[in-house]
Structures are given as structure tokens and as C-alpha cells.
Amino acid sequence: MKISRLEAFSDGVFAILITILVLDFKVPAYHTGHLWEAVLQQWPVLAAYILSFTITLINYPTALLSYTLRQHDRADLRVALVSYAAIAFLISFTFLLMYRYLDRHPELKSRRTQSQVFAVISSDPLRSMTIYLAAIIASFFSITVGAILLVGGIVFHIYAYLHLSHGLNHE
């Protein structure tokens, strides 16, 4: 399969996902002068949309990074690294918000999630945000260091996922 076909397929999947998410948006019923309150009542749908959008948005910098690696242009590679790290930072930030919300609303947590496990995993997004921010800053001074930090952030995500899975499965 050619890269252009894979990119087109990825773009198609992305478009379908966004369309499905947008179909869930409805104009809320509200009294004149109280639209803001009615919109705020829809926060779960909006939060799901934002989270889904940021996660699916990682496809763009992945394709950008892949393309610039083949072109061997350092300036473009820097832009691609910063773009990838910025989107990964946003994804980590949305997970940080989600974990903070779960911390304030323990009734929403799985019964299998013990408080000491949650206390450990709830700081993982902050750790990954720190790694991605360091990757962004480092990329302006050294593409190599920025790339190493970016890969480190990806490896940390794998570790965090395994850590979460292990914590949930052994309780």
C-alpha cells in the first residue's frame, strides 16, 4: 500500500469520527437569557468531543513527522517534532483534567480502582506533560534531544498504560 493511500484512509477515518461526534450536538432547550447555563449542562458531550478530537488529532503530526523524516530537512523536522509534542501535551492535559474530575467524584471510579492505585496513576498525565514540554523546548535548541524526549514521552505513555492495566487487574 502506498503512503498516500494510507494517509487518505487515515483522513477518511478522522472525518467519519468527527462527523459522528458532531451529530451528538444538539441545541439545548433554554429560556431566553439563560443559554450559557443550558450549554454548560451539555458539558459531558462537549468534554467527550474535546477528548476524542485531541486523541484523533495525533494522526496529523504523526503523518507530518513521517513525511519530514523522509525529506531530511532540519527546519521542517523541528516543526514536526514540536507539533507532535504539542498535540501529545494536549492529550495528556485532557487526561489530567479527567483524572482531577474523577478525584473529586469518586462515585464515578470503577469499583476495582483502589485509592492508592488511583493516587499513583493520577499524576501520570502531569509527568508526561512535563516530558512533552521539555521536548518542545529542547527541539528549538537540538532536534536530537527533542526527538529523544519525544520518544521518551511515548515510552512513558506505554509504561503508564501498563501500570494502569496492572493496577486494575490485580485488585
C-alpha atoms as a PDB file:
ATOM      1  CA  MET A   1       0.000   0.000   0.000  1.00  0.00           C
ATOM      2  CA  LYS A   2       1.307   3.427  -0.919  1.00  0.00           C
ATOM      3  CA  ILE A   3       1.741   6.067   1.786  1.00  0.00           C
ATOM      4  CA  SER A   4      -0.716   8.394   0.038  1.00  0.00           C
ATOM      5  CA  ARG A   5      -3.443   5.721   0.214  1.00  0.00           C
ATOM      6  CA  LEU A   6      -2.742   5.138   3.908  1.00  0.00           C
ATOM      7  CA  GLU A   7      -2.894   8.887   4.560  1.00  0.00           C
ATOM      8  CA  ALA A   8      -6.173   9.151   2.634  1.00  0.00           C
ATOM      9  CA  PHE A   9      -7.612   6.251   4.648  1.00  0.00           C
ATOM     10  CA  SER A  10      -6.499   7.889   7.905  1.00  0.00           C
ATOM     11  CA  ASP A  11      -8.053  11.202   6.832  1.00  0.00           C
ATOM     12  CA  GLY A  12     -11.299   9.395   5.980  1.00  0.00           C
ATOM     13  CA  VAL A  13     -11.452   7.694   9.371  1.00  0.00           C
ATOM     14  CA  PHE A  14     -10.767  11.024  11.059  1.00  0.00           C
ATOM     15  CA  ALA A  15     -13.564  12.726   9.082  1.00  0.00           C
ATOM     16  CA  ILE A  16     -16.043   9.975   9.964  1.00  0.00           C
ATOM     17  CA  LEU A  17     -15.157  10.165  13.672  1.00  0.00           C
ATOM     18  CA  ILE A  18     -15.602  13.926  13.789  1.00  0.00           C
ATOM     19  CA  THR A  19     -18.909  13.677  11.901  1.00  0.00           C
ATOM     20  CA  ILE A  20     -20.252  11.070  14.318  1.00  0.00           C
ATOM     21  CA  LEU A  21     -19.208  13.193  17.290  1.00  0.00           C
ATOM     22  CA  VAL A  22     -20.791  16.348  15.882  1.00  0.00           C
ATOM     23  CA  LEU A  23     -24.090  14.544  15.264  1.00  0.00           C
ATOM     24  CA  ASP A  24     -24.453  14.258  19.036  1.00  0.00           C
ATOM     25  CA  PHE A  25     -24.514  18.056  19.405  1.00  0.00           C
ATOM     26  CA  LYS A  26     -27.985  19.476  19.869  1.00  0.00           C
ATOM     27  CA  VAL A  27     -29.165  22.996  20.545  1.00  0.00           C
ATOM     28  CA  PRO A  28     -30.215  22.860  24.188  1.00  0.00           C
ATOM     29  CA  ALA A  29     -33.651  23.851  25.374  1.00  0.00           C
ATOM     30  CA  TYR A  30     -33.275  27.100  27.288  1.00  0.00           C
ATOM     31  CA  HIS A  31     -35.099  30.192  28.453  1.00  0.00           C
ATOM     32  CA  THR A  32     -34.120  33.494  26.879  1.00  0.00           C
ATOM     33  CA  GLY A  33     -31.102  34.931  28.643  1.00  0.00           C
ATOM     34  CA  HIS A  34     -30.021  31.532  30.025  1.00  0.00           C
ATOM     35  CA  LEU A  35     -28.245  29.983  27.046  1.00  0.00           C
ATOM     36  CA  TRP A  36     -24.905  29.808  28.878  1.00  0.00           C
ATOM     37  CA  GLU A  37     -26.375  27.668  31.664  1.00  0.00           C
ATOM     38  CA  ALA A  38     -28.027  25.372  29.102  1.00  0.00           C
ATOM     39  CA  VAL A  39     -24.749  24.959  27.205  1.00  0.00           C
ATOM     40  CA  LEU A  40     -22.933  24.175  30.450  1.00  0.00           C
ATOM     41  CA  GLN A  41     -25.459  21.406  31.100  1.00  0.00           C
ATOM     42  CA  GLN A  42     -24.116  19.714  27.972  1.00  0.00           C
ATOM     43  CA  TRP A  43     -20.572  19.529  29.365  1.00  0.00           C
ATOM     44  CA  PRO A  44     -20.322  15.700  29.199  1.00  0.00           C
ATOM     45  CA  VAL A  45     -20.923  15.722  25.434  1.00  0.00           C
ATOM     46  CA  LEU A  46     -18.555  18.646  24.958  1.00  0.00           C
ATOM     47  CA  ALA A  47     -15.880  17.008  27.119  1.00  0.00           C
ATOM     48  CA  ALA A  48     -16.181  13.742  25.175  1.00  0.00           C
ATOM     49  CA  TYR A  49     -15.899  15.659  21.916  1.00  0.00           C
ATOM     50  CA  ILE A  50     -12.795  17.556  23.052  1.00  0.00           C
ATOM     51  CA  LEU A  51     -11.132  14.402  24.388  1.00  0.00           C
ATOM     52  CA  SER A  52     -11.934  12.404  21.251  1.00  0.00           C
ATOM     53  CA  PHE A  53     -10.833  15.212  18.995  1.00  0.00           C
ATOM     54  CA  THR A  54      -7.466  15.680  20.716  1.00  0.00           C
ATOM     55  CA  ILE A  55      -6.775  11.946  20.670  1.00  0.00           C
ATOM     56  CA  THR A  56      -7.634  11.565  16.975  1.00  0.00           C
ATOM     57  CA  LEU A  57      -5.683  14.733  16.212  1.00  0.00           C
ATOM     58  CA  ILE A  58      -2.427  12.810  16.837  1.00  0.00           C
ATOM     59  CA  ASN A  59      -2.791  11.393  13.307  1.00  0.00           C
ATOM     60  CA  TYR A  60      -1.813  14.738  11.797  1.00  0.00           C
ATOM     61  CA  PRO A  61       1.567  15.256  13.489  1.00  0.00           C
ATOM     62  CA  THR A  62       2.346  11.552  13.032  1.00  0.00           C
ATOM     63  CA  ALA A  63       1.936  11.933   9.264  1.00  0.00           C
ATOM     64  CA  LEU A  64       3.835  15.234   9.380  1.00  0.00           C
ATOM     65  CA  LEU A  65       6.716  13.650  11.268  1.00  0.00           C
ATOM     66  CA  SER A  66       6.797  10.665   8.928  1.00  0.00           C
ATOM     67  CA  TYR A  67       6.909  12.902   5.877  1.00  0.00           C
ATOM     68  CA  THR A  68       9.604  15.235   7.222  1.00  0.00           C
ATOM     69  CA  LEU A  69      11.820  12.302   8.231  1.00  0.00           C
ATOM     70  CA  ARG A  70      11.873  11.255   4.578  1.00  0.00           C
ATOM     71  CA  GLN A  71      12.683  14.814   3.399  1.00  0.00           C
ATOM     72  CA  HIS A  72      15.737  15.267   5.678  1.00  0.00           C
ATOM     73  CA  ASP A  73      15.110  18.994   6.264  1.00  0.00           C
ATOM     74  CA  ARG A  74      16.073  20.004   9.805  1.00  0.00           C
ATOM     75  CA  ALA A  75      13.829  23.077   9.995  1.00  0.00           C
ATOM     76  CA  ASP A  76      10.780  21.092   8.887  1.00  0.00           C
ATOM     77  CA  LEU A  77      11.693  18.257  11.228  1.00  0.00           C
ATOM     78  CA  ARG A  78      11.797  20.740  14.122  1.00  0.00           C
ATOM     79  CA  VAL A  79       8.283  21.940  13.252  1.00  0.00           C
ATOM     80  CA  ALA A  80       7.043  18.338  13.043  1.00  0.00           C
ATOM     81  CA  LEU A  81       8.617  17.408  16.406  1.00  0.00           C
ATOM     82  CA  VAL A  82       7.136  20.453  18.116  1.00  0.00           C
ATOM     83  CA  SER A  83       3.723  19.745  16.536  1.00  0.00           C
ATOM     84  CA  TYR A  84       3.741  16.140  17.715  1.00  0.00           C
ATOM     85  CA  ALA A  85       4.874  17.071  21.220  1.00  0.00           C
ATOM     86  CA  ALA A  86       2.270  19.865  21.432  1.00  0.00           C
ATOM     87  CA  ILE A  87      -0.602  17.539  20.478  1.00  0.00           C
ATOM     88  CA  ALA A  88       0.693  14.866  22.875  1.00  0.00           C
ATOM     89  CA  PHE A  89       0.862  17.567  25.569  1.00  0.00           C
ATOM     90  CA  LEU A  90      -2.806  18.449  24.896  1.00  0.00           C
ATOM     91  CA  ILE A  91      -3.822  14.792  25.096  1.00  0.00           C
ATOM     92  CA  SER A  92      -2.013  14.435  28.426  1.00  0.00           C
ATOM     93  CA  PHE A  93      -3.678  17.631  29.626  1.00  0.00           C
ATOM     94  CA  THR A  94      -7.139  16.262  28.838  1.00  0.00           C
ATOM     95  CA  PHE A  95      -6.310  13.121  30.821  1.00  0.00           C
ATOM     96  CA  LEU A  96      -5.084  15.289  33.694  1.00  0.00           C
ATOM     97  CA  LEU A  97      -8.434  17.110  33.703  1.00  0.00           C
ATOM     98  CA  MET A  98     -10.284  13.790  33.577  1.00  0.00           C
ATOM     99  CA  TYR A  99      -8.283  12.342  36.491  1.00  0.00           C
ATOM    100  CA  ARG A 100      -8.806  15.514  38.544  1.00  0.00           C
ATOM    101  CA  TYR A 101     -12.533  15.295  37.896  1.00  0.00           C
ATOM    102  CA  LEU A 102     -12.564  11.626  38.939  1.00  0.00           C
ATOM    103  CA  ASP A 103     -10.671  12.542  42.095  1.00  0.00           C
ATOM    104  CA  ARG A 104     -13.448  14.999  43.014  1.00  0.00           C
ATOM    105  CA  HIS A 105     -16.166  12.491  42.085  1.00  0.00           C
ATOM    106  CA  PRO A 106     -15.086   9.093  43.444  1.00  0.00           C
ATOM    107  CA  GLU A 107     -18.519   7.617  42.719  1.00  0.00           C
ATOM    108  CA  LEU A 108     -17.562   7.631  39.022  1.00  0.00           C
ATOM    109  CA  LYS A 109     -14.486   5.452  39.514  1.00  0.00           C
ATOM    110  CA  SER A 110     -14.533   1.753  38.815  1.00  0.00           C
ATOM    111  CA  ARG A 111     -15.091  -0.365  41.904  1.00  0.00           C
ATOM    112  CA  ARG A 112     -11.820  -2.107  41.064  1.00  0.00           C
ATOM    113  CA  THR A 113      -9.843   1.127  41.429  1.00  0.00           C
ATOM    114  CA  GLN A 114      -8.333   1.430  44.877  1.00  0.00           C
ATOM    115  CA  SER A 115      -7.426   4.879  46.129  1.00  0.00           C
ATOM    116  CA  GLN A 116      -3.673   4.179  46.406  1.00  0.00           C
ATOM    117  CA  VAL A 117      -3.562   2.955  42.773  1.00  0.00           C
ATOM    118  CA  PHE A 118      -5.520   5.991  41.617  1.00  0.00           C
ATOM    119  CA  ALA A 119      -3.214   8.296  43.592  1.00  0.00           C
ATOM    120  CA  VAL A 120      -0.221   6.894  41.714  1.00  0.00           C
ATOM    121  CA  ILE A 121      -1.728   6.894  38.212  1.00  0.00           C
ATOM    122  CA  SER A 122      -3.457  10.262  38.535  1.00  0.00           C
ATOM    123  CA  SER A 123      -0.106  12.059  38.365  1.00  0.00           C
ATOM    124  CA  ASP A 124       0.992  10.224  35.191  1.00  0.00           C
ATOM    125  CA  PRO A 125      -0.505  12.869  32.854  1.00  0.00           C
ATOM    126  CA  LEU A 126       1.420  15.602  34.667  1.00  0.00           C
ATOM    127  CA  ARG A 127       4.637  13.616  34.237  1.00  0.00           C
ATOM    128  CA  SER A 128       4.017  13.128  30.526  1.00  0.00           C
ATOM    129  CA  MET A 129       3.116  16.824  30.130  1.00  0.00           C
ATOM    130  CA  THR A 130       6.487  17.675  31.656  1.00  0.00           C
ATOM    131  CA  ILE A 131       8.293  15.353  29.229  1.00  0.00           C
ATOM    132  CA  TYR A 132       6.444  16.775  26.209  1.00  0.00           C
ATOM    133  CA  LEU A 133       7.021  20.370  27.312  1.00  0.00           C
ATOM    134  CA  ALA A 134      10.727  19.569  27.692  1.00  0.00           C
ATOM    135  CA  ALA A 135      10.659  18.030  24.178  1.00  0.00           C
ATOM    136  CA  ILE A 136       9.094  21.196  22.764  1.00  0.00           C
ATOM    137  CA  ILE A 137      11.659  23.467  24.398  1.00  0.00           C
ATOM    138  CA  ALA A 138      14.609  21.190  23.595  1.00  0.00           C
ATOM    139  CA  SER A 139      13.582  20.925  19.928  1.00  0.00           C
ATOM    140  CA  PHE A 140      14.359  24.613  19.451  1.00  0.00           C
ATOM    141  CA  PHE A 141      17.950  24.014  20.562  1.00  0.00           C
ATOM    142  CA  SER A 142      18.604  20.431  19.470  1.00  0.00           C
ATOM    143  CA  ILE A 143      16.473  18.291  17.210  1.00  0.00           C
ATOM    144  CA  THR A 144      18.185  15.175  18.547  1.00  0.00           C
ATOM    145  CA  VAL A 145      17.439  15.968  22.198  1.00  0.00           C
ATOM    146  CA  GLY A 146      13.878  16.979  21.298  1.00  0.00           C
ATOM    147  CA  ALA A 147      13.372  13.685  19.442  1.00  0.00           C
ATOM    148  CA  ILE A 148      14.806  11.672  22.337  1.00  0.00           C
ATOM    149  CA  LEU A 149      12.468  13.410  24.774  1.00  0.00           C
ATOM    150  CA  LEU A 150       9.520  12.871  22.425  1.00  0.00           C
ATOM    151  CA  VAL A 151      10.294   9.152  22.205  1.00  0.00           C
ATOM    152  CA  GLY A 152      10.718   9.185  25.993  1.00  0.00           C
ATOM    153  CA  GLY A 153       7.214  10.627  26.335  1.00  0.00           C
ATOM    154  CA  ILE A 154       5.808   7.912  24.088  1.00  0.00           C
ATOM    155  CA  VAL A 155       7.624   5.214  26.080  1.00  0.00           C
ATOM    156  CA  PHE A 156       6.306   6.768  29.296  1.00  0.00           C
ATOM    157  CA  HIS A 157       2.756   6.532  27.899  1.00  0.00           C
ATOM    158  CA  ILE A 158       3.298   2.823  27.292  1.00  0.00           C
ATOM    159  CA  TYR A 159       4.605   2.442  30.845  1.00  0.00           C
ATOM    160  CA  ALA A 160       1.676   4.434  32.275  1.00  0.00           C
ATOM    161  CA  TYR A 161      -0.842   2.334  30.355  1.00  0.00           C
ATOM    162  CA  LEU A 162       0.754  -0.918  31.546  1.00  0.00           C
ATOM    163  CA  HIS A 163       0.905   0.474  35.070  1.00  0.00           C
ATOM    164  CA  LEU A 164      -2.796   1.342  34.949  1.00  0.00           C
ATOM    165  CA  SER A 165      -3.713  -2.053  33.485  1.00  0.00           C
ATOM    166  CA  HIS A 166      -1.649  -3.877  36.088  1.00  0.00           C
ATOM    167  CA  GLY A 167      -3.220  -1.827  38.885  1.00  0.00           C
ATOM    168  CA  LEU A 168      -6.736  -2.587  37.695  1.00  0.00           C
ATOM    169  CA  ASN A 169      -6.165  -6.277  37.048  1.00  0.00           C
ATOM    170  CA  HIS A 170      -4.515  -7.100  40.383  1.00  0.00           C
ATOM    171  CA  GLU A 171      -7.041  -5.701  42.798  1.00  0.00           C
END
